[in-house]
Protein backbone atom coordinates (compact mmCIF):
# COMPACT_ATOMS: atom_id res chain seq x y z
CA UNK A 1 0.00 0.00 0.00
CA UNK A 2 1.32 3.43 -0.96
CA UNK A 3 0.66 6.13 1.65
CA UNK A 4 0.76 9.85 0.88
CA UNK A 5 0.39 12.56 3.52
CA UNK A 6 -1.23 15.99 3.62
CA UNK A 7 1.59 18.54 3.79
CA UNK A 8 0.91 21.50 6.08
CA UNK A 9 1.45 24.63 3.95
CA UNK A 10 2.75 26.62 6.93
CA UNK A 11 5.45 24.14 7.95
CA UNK A 12 6.00 22.16 4.71
CA UNK A 13 5.96 18.88 6.65
CA UNK A 14 3.24 16.23 7.00
CA UNK A 15 0.33 17.49 9.12
CA UNK A 16 0.57 14.40 11.34
CA UNK A 17 3.75 15.88 12.84
CA UNK A 18 1.59 18.57 14.47
CA UNK A 19 0.08 15.77 16.57
CA UNK A 20 3.41 14.07 17.41
CA UNK A 21 2.64 11.18 15.05
CA UNK A 22 5.24 9.61 12.76
CA UNK A 23 4.80 7.93 9.39
CA UNK A 24 5.78 4.65 11.04
CA UNK A 25 2.94 5.03 13.56
CA UNK A 26 0.45 5.62 10.75
CA UNK A 27 1.77 2.61 8.82
CA UNK A 28 1.38 0.40 11.91
CA UNK A 29 -2.31 1.32 12.15
CA UNK A 30 -3.03 1.24 8.41
CA UNK A 31 -1.51 -2.19 7.85
CA UNK A 32 -3.38 -3.68 10.82
CA UNK A 33 -6.37 -1.52 11.82
CA UNK A 34 -8.62 -2.60 14.66
CA UNK A 35 -11.47 -0.69 12.99
CA UNK A 36 -11.92 0.99 9.63
CA UNK A 37 -15.14 3.00 9.35
CA UNK A 38 -16.67 5.59 7.05
CA UNK A 39 -15.93 9.16 8.11
CA UNK A 40 -17.22 12.53 6.94
CA UNK A 41 -17.25 13.82 3.37
CA UNK A 42 -16.05 10.56 1.82
CA UNK A 43 -13.13 10.11 4.23
CA UNK A 44 -12.47 6.95 6.22
CA UNK A 45 -11.28 6.57 9.82
CA UNK A 46 -8.93 3.78 10.87
CA UNK A 47 -8.34 3.13 14.56
CA UNK A 48 -5.63 0.87 15.86
CA UNK A 49 -2.55 0.39 17.94
CA UNK A 50 1.03 1.19 16.97
CA UNK A 51 3.94 -1.16 17.54
CA UNK A 52 4.80 0.97 20.57
CA UNK A 53 1.35 0.43 22.09
CA UNK A 54 -0.13 3.85 21.35
CA UNK A 55 -3.72 4.04 20.06
CA UNK A 56 -4.33 6.27 17.04
CA UNK A 57 -7.17 7.52 14.87
CA UNK A 58 -6.09 8.01 11.25
CA UNK A 59 -8.32 10.01 8.89
CA UNK A 60 -7.69 9.23 5.22
CA UNK A 61 -9.21 8.96 1.75
CA UNK A 62 -8.66 6.27 -0.84
CA UNK A 63 -6.57 7.58 -3.74
CA UNK A 64 -7.71 7.07 -7.32
CA UNK A 65 -4.46 5.13 -7.86
CA UNK A 66 -5.07 1.47 -6.88
CA UNK A 67 -3.43 0.45 -3.61
CA UNK A 68 -2.84 4.03 -2.51
CA UNK A 69 -4.28 6.21 0.28
CA UNK A 70 -3.96 9.87 1.24
CA UNK A 71 -3.67 10.51 5.00
CA UNK A 72 -5.29 13.78 6.01
CA UNK A 73 -4.49 13.66 9.72
CA UNK A 74 -3.83 11.31 12.62
CA UNK A 75 -3.94 11.80 16.35
CA UNK A 76 -3.76 9.89 19.59
CA UNK A 77 -6.90 8.23 20.91
CA UNK A 78 -7.40 8.93 24.62
CA UNK A 79 -10.10 9.26 27.24
CA UNK A 80 -13.70 8.28 26.47
CA UNK A 81 -13.10 7.59 22.76
CA UNK A 82 -10.33 5.13 23.68
CA UNK A 83 -12.55 3.45 26.29
CA UNK A 84 -15.37 3.12 23.74
CA UNK A 85 -12.99 1.61 21.17
CA UNK A 86 -11.71 -0.94 23.68
CA UNK A 87 -15.30 -1.88 24.63
CA UNK A 88 -16.20 -2.42 20.96
CA UNK A 89 -13.10 -4.57 20.47
CA UNK A 90 -13.95 -6.62 23.57
CA UNK A 91 -17.49 -7.29 22.26
CA UNK A 92 -16.09 -8.61 18.96
CA UNK A 93 -14.08 -11.33 20.72
PDB file of N, CA and C in Angstrom:
ATOM      1  N   UNK A   1       0.844  -1.173   0.000  1.00  0.00           N
ATOM      2  CA  UNK A   1       0.000   0.000   0.000  1.00  0.00           C
ATOM      3  C   UNK A   1       0.891   1.238   0.000  1.00  0.00           C
ATOM      4  N   UNK A   2       0.597   2.160  -0.901  1.00  0.00           N
ATOM      5  CA  UNK A   2       1.318   3.427  -0.958  1.00  0.00           C
ATOM      6  C   UNK A   2       0.552   4.439  -0.105  1.00  0.00           C
ATOM      7  N   UNK A   3       1.277   5.147   0.765  1.00  0.00           N
ATOM      8  CA  UNK A   3       0.656   6.128   1.649  1.00  0.00           C
ATOM      9  C   UNK A   3       1.251   7.503   1.370  1.00  0.00           C
ATOM     10  N   UNK A   4       0.362   8.447   1.038  1.00  0.00           N
ATOM     11  CA  UNK A   4       0.759   9.849   0.880  1.00  0.00           C
ATOM     12  C   UNK A   4       0.181  10.635   2.048  1.00  0.00           C
ATOM     13  N   UNK A   5       0.802  11.772   2.359  1.00  0.00           N
ATOM     14  CA  UNK A   5       0.389  12.561   3.518  1.00  0.00           C
ATOM     15  C   UNK A   5       0.067  13.997   3.118  1.00  0.00           C
ATOM     16  N   UNK A   6      -0.928  14.578   3.802  1.00  0.00           N
ATOM     17  CA  UNK A   6      -1.226  15.994   3.623  1.00  0.00           C
ATOM     18  C   UNK A   6      -0.052  16.785   4.178  1.00  0.00           C
ATOM     19  N   UNK A   7       0.479  17.691   3.370  1.00  0.00           N
ATOM     20  CA  UNK A   7       1.594  18.540   3.793  1.00  0.00           C
ATOM     21  C   UNK A   7       1.041  19.877   4.266  1.00  0.00           C
ATOM     22  N   UNK A   8       1.354  20.234   5.497  1.00  0.00           N
ATOM     23  CA  UNK A   8       0.911  21.495   6.082  1.00  0.00           C
ATOM     24  C   UNK A   8       1.596  22.644   5.339  1.00  0.00           C
ATOM     25  N   UNK A   9       0.835  23.540   4.733  1.00  0.00           N
ATOM     26  CA  UNK A   9       1.445  24.630   3.953  1.00  0.00           C
ATOM     27  C   UNK A   9       2.282  25.602   4.794  1.00  0.00           C
ATOM     28  N   UNK A  10       1.995  25.703   6.074  1.00  0.00           N
ATOM     29  CA  UNK A  10       2.754  26.617   6.933  1.00  0.00           C
ATOM     30  C   UNK A  10       4.118  26.062   7.313  1.00  0.00           C
ATOM     31  N   UNK A  11       4.203  24.740   7.484  1.00  0.00           N
ATOM     32  CA  UNK A  11       5.450  24.136   7.951  1.00  0.00           C
ATOM     33  C   UNK A  11       6.162  23.310   6.881  1.00  0.00           C
ATOM     34  N   UNK A  12       5.465  22.979   5.806  1.00  0.00           N
ATOM     35  CA  UNK A  12       5.999  22.160   4.707  1.00  0.00           C
ATOM     36  C   UNK A  12       6.388  20.749   5.145  1.00  0.00           C
ATOM     37  N   UNK A  13       5.762  20.262   6.200  1.00  0.00           N
ATOM     38  CA  UNK A  13       5.964  18.878   6.651  1.00  0.00           C
ATOM     39  C   UNK A  13       4.585  18.224   6.783  1.00  0.00           C
ATOM     40  N   UNK A  14       4.538  16.889   6.840  1.00  0.00           N
ATOM     41  CA  UNK A  14       3.235  16.231   6.997  1.00  0.00           C
ATOM     42  C   UNK A  14       2.479  16.742   8.225  1.00  0.00           C
ATOM     43  N   UNK A  15       1.184  16.961   8.048  1.00  0.00           N
ATOM     44  CA  UNK A  15       0.329  17.489   9.116  1.00  0.00           C
ATOM     45  C   UNK A  15       0.352  16.606  10.362  1.00  0.00           C
ATOM     46  N   UNK A  16       0.557  15.309  10.188  1.00  0.00           N
ATOM     47  CA  UNK A  16       0.571  14.397  11.342  1.00  0.00           C
ATOM     48  C   UNK A  16       1.631  14.781  12.367  1.00  0.00           C
ATOM     49  N   UNK A  17       2.702  15.447  11.916  1.00  0.00           N
ATOM     50  CA  UNK A  17       3.755  15.876  12.845  1.00  0.00           C
ATOM     51  C   UNK A  17       3.219  16.856  13.882  1.00  0.00           C
ATOM     52  N   UNK A  18       2.184  17.624  13.517  1.00  0.00           N
ATOM     53  CA  UNK A  18       1.593  18.571  14.468  1.00  0.00           C
ATOM     54  C   UNK A  18       0.966  17.854  15.660  1.00  0.00           C
ATOM     55  N   UNK A  19       0.695  16.562  15.512  1.00  0.00           N
ATOM     56  CA  UNK A  19       0.076  15.767  16.573  1.00  0.00           C
ATOM     57  C   UNK A  19       1.056  14.760  17.162  1.00  0.00           C
ATOM     58  N   UNK A  20       2.348  14.969  16.923  1.00  0.00           N
ATOM     59  CA  UNK A  20       3.409  14.070  17.409  1.00  0.00           C
ATOM     60  C   UNK A  20       3.208  12.632  16.942  1.00  0.00           C
ATOM     61  N   UNK A  21       2.834  12.487  15.672  1.00  0.00           N
ATOM     62  CA  UNK A  21       2.640  11.179  15.054  1.00  0.00           C
ATOM     63  C   UNK A  21       3.674  11.036  13.942  1.00  0.00           C
ATOM     64  N   UNK A  22       4.272   9.860  13.825  1.00  0.00           N
ATOM     65  CA  UNK A  22       5.241   9.613  12.757  1.00  0.00           C
ATOM     66  C   UNK A  22       4.602   8.795  11.641  1.00  0.00           C
ATOM     67  N   UNK A  23       5.276   8.755  10.492  1.00  0.00           N
ATOM     68  CA  UNK A  23       4.797   7.935   9.388  1.00  0.00           C
ATOM     69  C   UNK A  23       4.755   6.462   9.796  1.00  0.00           C
ATOM     70  N   UNK A  24       5.734   6.038  10.580  1.00  0.00           N
ATOM     71  CA  UNK A  24       5.778   4.646  11.041  1.00  0.00           C
ATOM     72  C   UNK A  24       4.550   4.313  11.891  1.00  0.00           C
ATOM     73  N   UNK A  25       4.138   5.239  12.743  1.00  0.00           N
ATOM     74  CA  UNK A  25       2.940   5.028  13.564  1.00  0.00           C
ATOM     75  C   UNK A  25       1.712   4.841  12.673  1.00  0.00           C
ATOM     76  N   UNK A  26       1.578   5.717  11.663  1.00  0.00           N
ATOM     77  CA  UNK A  26       0.445   5.619  10.747  1.00  0.00           C
ATOM     78  C   UNK A  26       0.475   4.288  10.007  1.00  0.00           C
ATOM     79  N   UNK A  27       1.643   3.887   9.533  1.00  0.00           N
ATOM     80  CA  UNK A  27       1.772   2.613   8.819  1.00  0.00           C
ATOM     81  C   UNK A  27       1.365   1.440   9.705  1.00  0.00           C
ATOM     82  N   UNK A  28       1.768   1.465  10.979  1.00  0.00           N
ATOM     83  CA  UNK A  28       1.378   0.396  11.913  1.00  0.00           C
ATOM     84  C   UNK A  28      -0.135   0.236  11.952  1.00  0.00           C
ATOM     85  N   UNK A  29      -0.842   1.350  12.056  1.00  0.00           N
ATOM     86  CA  UNK A  29      -2.308   1.318  12.147  1.00  0.00           C
ATOM     87  C   UNK A  29      -2.927   0.926  10.808  1.00  0.00           C
ATOM     88  N   UNK A  30      -2.422   1.479   9.722  1.00  0.00           N
ATOM     89  CA  UNK A  30      -3.035   1.238   8.415  1.00  0.00           C
ATOM     90  C   UNK A  30      -2.836  -0.198   7.924  1.00  0.00           C
ATOM     91  N   UNK A  31      -1.742  -0.818   8.288  1.00  0.00           N
ATOM     92  CA  UNK A  31      -1.511  -2.191   7.854  1.00  0.00           C
ATOM     93  C   UNK A  31      -2.203  -3.215   8.742  1.00  0.00           C
ATOM     94  N   UNK A  32      -2.673  -2.776   9.920  1.00  0.00           N
ATOM     95  CA  UNK A  32      -3.378  -3.684  10.821  1.00  0.00           C
ATOM     96  C   UNK A  32      -4.382  -2.906  11.675  1.00  0.00           C
ATOM     97  N   UNK A  33      -5.414  -2.320  11.040  1.00  0.00           N
ATOM     98  CA  UNK A  33      -6.366  -1.522  11.825  1.00  0.00           C
ATOM     99  C   UNK A  33      -7.299  -2.401  12.654  1.00  0.00           C
ATOM    100  N   UNK A  34      -7.623  -1.919  13.836  1.00  0.00           N
ATOM    101  CA  UNK A  34      -8.615  -2.603  14.661  1.00  0.00           C
ATOM    102  C   UNK A  34     -10.016  -2.316  14.138  1.00  0.00           C
ATOM    103  N   UNK A  35     -10.203  -1.111  13.604  1.00  0.00           N
ATOM    104  CA  UNK A  35     -11.472  -0.686  12.993  1.00  0.00           C
ATOM    105  C   UNK A  35     -11.150   0.174  11.782  1.00  0.00           C
ATOM    106  N   UNK A  36     -12.018   0.118  10.805  1.00  0.00           N
ATOM    107  CA  UNK A  36     -11.920   0.991   9.631  1.00  0.00           C
ATOM    108  C   UNK A  36     -13.346   1.342   9.250  1.00  0.00           C
ATOM    109  N   UNK A  37     -13.743   2.576   9.508  1.00  0.00           N
ATOM    110  CA  UNK A  37     -15.139   3.000   9.349  1.00  0.00           C
ATOM    111  C   UNK A  37     -15.248   4.176   8.388  1.00  0.00           C
ATOM    112  N   UNK A  38     -16.445   4.385   7.845  1.00  0.00           N
ATOM    113  CA  UNK A  38     -16.668   5.590   7.049  1.00  0.00           C
ATOM    114  C   UNK A  38     -16.579   6.822   7.947  1.00  0.00           C
ATOM    115  N   UNK A  39     -16.015   7.895   7.396  1.00  0.00           N
ATOM    116  CA  UNK A  39     -15.934   9.160   8.113  1.00  0.00           C
ATOM    117  C   UNK A  39     -16.817  10.189   7.438  1.00  0.00           C
ATOM    118  N   UNK A  40     -16.456  11.441   7.551  1.00  0.00           N
ATOM    119  CA  UNK A  40     -17.225  12.531   6.943  1.00  0.00           C
ATOM    120  C   UNK A  40     -16.702  12.850   5.550  1.00  0.00           C
ATOM    121  N   UNK A  41     -17.602  13.313   4.706  1.00  0.00           N
ATOM    122  CA  UNK A  41     -17.254  13.818   3.374  1.00  0.00           C
ATOM    123  C   UNK A  41     -16.420  12.835   2.550  1.00  0.00           C
ATOM    124  N   UNK A  42     -16.741  11.557   2.628  1.00  0.00           N
ATOM    125  CA  UNK A  42     -16.053  10.556   1.824  1.00  0.00           C
ATOM    126  C   UNK A  42     -14.753  10.039   2.415  1.00  0.00           C
ATOM    127  N   UNK A  43     -14.363  10.574   3.565  1.00  0.00           N
ATOM    128  CA  UNK A  43     -13.134  10.106   4.225  1.00  0.00           C
ATOM    129  C   UNK A  43     -13.416   8.802   4.970  1.00  0.00           C
ATOM    130  N   UNK A  44     -12.364   8.149   5.399  1.00  0.00           N
ATOM    131  CA  UNK A  44     -12.467   6.950   6.220  1.00  0.00           C
ATOM    132  C   UNK A  44     -11.648   7.190   7.487  1.00  0.00           C
ATOM    133  N   UNK A  45     -11.978   6.441   8.543  1.00  0.00           N
ATOM    134  CA  UNK A  45     -11.276   6.565   9.816  1.00  0.00           C
ATOM    135  C   UNK A  45     -10.818   5.178  10.239  1.00  0.00           C
ATOM    136  N   UNK A  46      -9.508   5.035  10.379  1.00  0.00           N
ATOM    137  CA  UNK A  46      -8.932   3.783  10.868  1.00  0.00           C
ATOM    138  C   UNK A  46      -8.470   4.014  12.302  1.00  0.00           C
ATOM    139  N   UNK A  47      -8.770   3.056  13.159  1.00  0.00           N
ATOM    140  CA  UNK A  47      -8.339   3.131  14.556  1.00  0.00           C
ATOM    141  C   UNK A  47      -7.553   1.866  14.843  1.00  0.00           C
ATOM    142  N   UNK A  48      -6.444   2.036  15.526  1.00  0.00           N
ATOM    143  CA  UNK A  48      -5.633   0.872  15.864  1.00  0.00           C
ATOM    144  C   UNK A  48      -4.488   1.240  16.772  1.00  0.00           C
ATOM    145  N   UNK A  49      -3.653   0.249  17.002  1.00  0.00           N
ATOM    146  CA  UNK A  49      -2.551   0.394  17.940  1.00  0.00           C
ATOM    147  C   UNK A  49      -1.226   0.331  17.197  1.00  0.00           C
ATOM    148  N   UNK A  50      -0.299   1.189  17.570  1.00  0.00           N
ATOM    149  CA  UNK A  50       1.028   1.188  16.969  1.00  0.00           C
ATOM    150  C   UNK A  50       1.870   0.074  17.581  1.00  0.00           C
ATOM    151  N   UNK A  51       3.016  -0.166  16.990  1.00  0.00           N
ATOM    152  CA  UNK A  51       3.936  -1.158  17.542  1.00  0.00           C
ATOM    153  C   UNK A  51       4.396  -0.801  18.946  1.00  0.00           C
ATOM    154  N   UNK A  52       4.399   0.494  19.246  1.00  0.00           N
ATOM    155  CA  UNK A  52       4.801   0.967  20.571  1.00  0.00           C
ATOM    156  C   UNK A  52       3.673   0.960  21.589  1.00  0.00           C
ATOM    157  N   UNK A  53       2.462   0.532  21.165  1.00  0.00           N
ATOM    158  CA  UNK A  53       1.347   0.433  22.090  1.00  0.00           C
ATOM    159  C   UNK A  53       0.412   1.626  22.126  1.00  0.00           C
ATOM    160  N   UNK A  54       0.704   2.650  21.383  1.00  0.00           N
ATOM    161  CA  UNK A  54      -0.130   3.851  21.353  1.00  0.00           C
ATOM    162  C   UNK A  54      -1.346   3.631  20.454  1.00  0.00           C
ATOM    163  N   UNK A  55      -2.509   4.139  20.860  1.00  0.00           N
ATOM    164  CA  UNK A  55      -3.725   4.037  20.061  1.00  0.00           C
ATOM    165  C   UNK A  55      -3.888   5.311  19.241  1.00  0.00           C
ATOM    166  N   UNK A  56      -4.184   5.133  17.943  1.00  0.00           N
ATOM    167  CA  UNK A  56      -4.330   6.272  17.044  1.00  0.00           C
ATOM    168  C   UNK A  56      -5.619   6.208  16.257  1.00  0.00           C
ATOM    169  N   UNK A  57      -6.082   7.377  15.843  1.00  0.00           N
ATOM    170  CA  UNK A  57      -7.166   7.521  14.872  1.00  0.00           C
ATOM    171  C   UNK A  57      -6.530   8.167  13.647  1.00  0.00           C
ATOM    172  N   UNK A  58      -6.667   7.516  12.497  1.00  0.00           N
ATOM    173  CA  UNK A  58      -6.092   8.006  11.246  1.00  0.00           C
ATOM    174  C   UNK A  58      -7.240   8.327  10.293  1.00  0.00           C
ATOM    175  N   UNK A  59      -7.295   9.573   9.831  1.00  0.00           N
ATOM    176  CA  UNK A  59      -8.323  10.011   8.890  1.00  0.00           C
ATOM    177  C   UNK A  59      -7.677  10.050   7.504  1.00  0.00           C
ATOM    178  N   UNK A  60      -8.297   9.333   6.548  1.00  0.00           N
ATOM    179  CA  UNK A  60      -7.694   9.226   5.219  1.00  0.00           C
ATOM    180  C   UNK A  60      -8.769   9.097   4.148  1.00  0.00           C
ATOM    181  N   UNK A  61      -8.352   9.229   2.896  1.00  0.00           N
ATOM    182  CA  UNK A  61      -9.211   8.964   1.747  1.00  0.00           C
ATOM    183  C   UNK A  61      -8.474   7.987   0.840  1.00  0.00           C
ATOM    184  N   UNK A  62      -9.248   7.201   0.119  1.00  0.00           N
ATOM    185  CA  UNK A  62      -8.662   6.271  -0.837  1.00  0.00           C
ATOM    186  C   UNK A  62      -8.283   7.066  -2.077  1.00  0.00           C
ATOM    187  N   UNK A  63      -7.040   6.914  -2.523  1.00  0.00           N
ATOM    188  CA  UNK A  63      -6.568   7.583  -3.736  1.00  0.00           C
ATOM    189  C   UNK A  63      -7.158   6.929  -4.970  1.00  0.00           C
ATOM    190  N   UNK A  64      -7.263   7.676  -6.066  1.00  0.00           N
ATOM    191  CA  UNK A  64      -7.712   7.067  -7.322  1.00  0.00           C
ATOM    192  C   UNK A  64      -6.748   5.984  -7.813  1.00  0.00           C
ATOM    193  N   UNK A  65      -5.456   6.130  -7.476  1.00  0.00           N
ATOM    194  CA  UNK A  65      -4.463   5.132  -7.856  1.00  0.00           C
ATOM    195  C   UNK A  65      -4.680   3.868  -7.011  1.00  0.00           C
ATOM    196  N   UNK A  66      -4.834   2.704  -7.646  1.00  0.00           N
ATOM    197  CA  UNK A  66      -5.066   1.473  -6.885  1.00  0.00           C
ATOM    198  C   UNK A  66      -3.960   1.216  -5.853  1.00  0.00           C
ATOM    199  N   UNK A  67      -4.383   0.782  -4.669  1.00  0.00           N
ATOM    200  CA  UNK A  67      -3.435   0.450  -3.605  1.00  0.00           C
ATOM    201  C   UNK A  67      -2.777   1.650  -2.957  1.00  0.00           C
ATOM    202  N   UNK A  68      -3.419   2.813  -3.051  1.00  0.00           N
ATOM    203  CA  UNK A  68      -2.838   4.032  -2.513  1.00  0.00           C
ATOM    204  C   UNK A  68      -3.872   4.778  -1.673  1.00  0.00           C
ATOM    205  N   UNK A  69      -3.406   5.387  -0.559  1.00  0.00           N
ATOM    206  CA  UNK A  69      -4.282   6.208   0.278  1.00  0.00           C
ATOM    207  C   UNK A  69      -3.611   7.555   0.543  1.00  0.00           C
ATOM    208  N   UNK A  70      -4.438   8.541   0.904  1.00  0.00           N
ATOM    209  CA  UNK A  70      -3.962   9.875   1.240  1.00  0.00           C
ATOM    210  C   UNK A  70      -4.375  10.153   2.680  1.00  0.00           C
ATOM    211  N   UNK A  71      -3.400  10.261   3.579  1.00  0.00           N
ATOM    212  CA  UNK A  71      -3.673  10.509   5.000  1.00  0.00           C
ATOM    213  C   UNK A  71      -3.836  12.008   5.218  1.00  0.00           C
ATOM    214  N   UNK A  72      -4.983  12.379   5.739  1.00  0.00           N
ATOM    215  CA  UNK A  72      -5.294  13.784   6.011  1.00  0.00           C
ATOM    216  C   UNK A  72      -4.712  14.184   7.360  1.00  0.00           C
ATOM    217  N   UNK A  73      -5.003  13.383   8.386  1.00  0.00           N
ATOM    218  CA  UNK A  73      -4.491  13.662   9.722  1.00  0.00           C
ATOM    219  C   UNK A  73      -4.494  12.382  10.544  1.00  0.00           C
ATOM    220  N   UNK A  74      -3.832  12.423  11.658  1.00  0.00           N
ATOM    221  CA  UNK A  74      -3.827  11.315  12.615  1.00  0.00           C
ATOM    222  C   UNK A  74      -3.552  11.904  13.989  1.00  0.00           C
ATOM    223  N   UNK A  75      -4.157  11.303  14.995  1.00  0.00           N
ATOM    224  CA  UNK A  75      -3.937  11.801  16.346  1.00  0.00           C
ATOM    225  C   UNK A  75      -4.163  10.681  17.345  1.00  0.00           C
ATOM    226  N   UNK A  76      -3.631  10.876  18.544  1.00  0.00           N
ATOM    227  CA  UNK A  76      -3.761   9.889  19.595  1.00  0.00           C
ATOM    228  C   UNK A  76      -5.200   9.742  20.058  1.00  0.00           C
ATOM    229  N   UNK A  77      -5.565   8.532  20.393  1.00  0.00           N
ATOM    230  CA  UNK A  77      -6.898   8.233  20.909  1.00  0.00           C
ATOM    231  C   UNK A  77      -6.769   8.091  22.421  1.00  0.00           C
ATOM    232  N   UNK A  78      -7.489   8.942  23.155  1.00  0.00           N
ATOM    233  CA  UNK A  78      -7.403   8.933  24.616  1.00  0.00           C
ATOM    234  C   UNK A  78      -8.787   9.117  25.215  1.00  0.00           C
ATOM    235  N   UNK A  79      -8.872   8.976  26.505  1.00  0.00           N
ATOM    236  CA  UNK A  79     -10.104   9.262  27.241  1.00  0.00           C
ATOM    237  C   UNK A  79     -11.279   8.391  26.842  1.00  0.00           C
ATOM    238  N   UNK A  80     -12.472   9.015  26.772  1.00  0.00           N
ATOM    239  CA  UNK A  80     -13.698   8.280  26.474  1.00  0.00           C
ATOM    240  C   UNK A  80     -13.681   7.619  25.097  1.00  0.00           C
ATOM    241  N   UNK A  81     -13.156   8.279  24.052  1.00  0.00           N
ATOM    242  CA  UNK A  81     -13.105   7.592  22.755  1.00  0.00           C
ATOM    243  C   UNK A  81     -12.262   6.307  22.797  1.00  0.00           C
ATOM    244  N   UNK A  82     -11.161   6.330  23.546  1.00  0.00           N
ATOM    245  CA  UNK A  82     -10.331   5.130  23.680  1.00  0.00           C
ATOM    246  C   UNK A  82     -11.082   4.047  24.447  1.00  0.00           C
ATOM    247  N   UNK A  83     -11.766   4.420  25.512  1.00  0.00           N
ATOM    248  CA  UNK A  83     -12.551   3.453  26.288  1.00  0.00           C
ATOM    249  C   UNK A  83     -13.636   2.817  25.424  1.00  0.00           C
ATOM    250  N   UNK A  84     -14.312   3.632  24.619  1.00  0.00           N
ATOM    251  CA  UNK A  84     -15.371   3.119  23.745  1.00  0.00           C
ATOM    252  C   UNK A  84     -14.791   2.153  22.711  1.00  0.00           C
ATOM    253  N   UNK A  85     -13.651   2.491  22.139  1.00  0.00           N
ATOM    254  CA  UNK A  85     -12.991   1.612  21.168  1.00  0.00           C
ATOM    255  C   UNK A  85     -12.648   0.264  21.807  1.00  0.00           C
ATOM    256  N   UNK A  86     -12.078   0.307  22.999  1.00  0.00           N
ATOM    257  CA  UNK A  86     -11.711  -0.942  23.683  1.00  0.00           C
ATOM    258  C   UNK A  86     -12.945  -1.786  24.005  1.00  0.00           C
ATOM    259  N   UNK A  87     -14.054  -1.135  24.376  1.00  0.00           N
ATOM    260  CA  UNK A  87     -15.304  -1.876  24.626  1.00  0.00           C
ATOM    261  C   UNK A  87     -15.780  -2.562  23.348  1.00  0.00           C
ATOM    262  N   UNK A  88     -15.764  -1.836  22.234  1.00  0.00           N
ATOM    263  CA  UNK A  88     -16.198  -2.424  20.959  1.00  0.00           C
ATOM    264  C   UNK A  88     -15.321  -3.605  20.577  1.00  0.00           C
ATOM    265  N   UNK A  89     -14.024  -3.485  20.795  1.00  0.00           N
ATOM    266  CA  UNK A  89     -13.096  -4.575  20.469  1.00  0.00           C
ATOM    267  C   UNK A  89     -13.369  -5.793  21.363  1.00  0.00           C
ATOM    268  N   UNK A  90     -13.685  -5.524  22.635  1.00  0.00           N
ATOM    269  CA  UNK A  90     -13.949  -6.616  23.570  1.00  0.00           C
ATOM    270  C   UNK A  90     -15.207  -7.374  23.163  1.00  0.00           C
ATOM    271  N   UNK A  91     -16.237  -6.654  22.685  1.00  0.00           N
ATOM    272  CA  UNK A  91     -17.488  -7.290  22.259  1.00  0.00           C
ATOM    273  C   UNK A  91     -17.263  -8.197  21.057  1.00  0.00           C
ATOM    274  N   UNK A  92     -16.341  -7.827  20.171  1.00  0.00           N
ATOM    275  CA  UNK A  92     -16.092  -8.608  18.962  1.00  0.00           C
ATOM    276  C   UNK A  92     -15.459  -9.966  19.264  1.00  0.00           C
ATOM    277  N   UNK A  93     -14.781 -10.077  20.380  1.00  0.00           N
ATOM    278  CA  UNK A  93     -14.076 -11.332  20.723  1.00  0.00           C
ATOM    279  C   UNK A  93     -14.999 -12.356  21.204  1.00  0.00           C
TER     280      UNK A  93
END
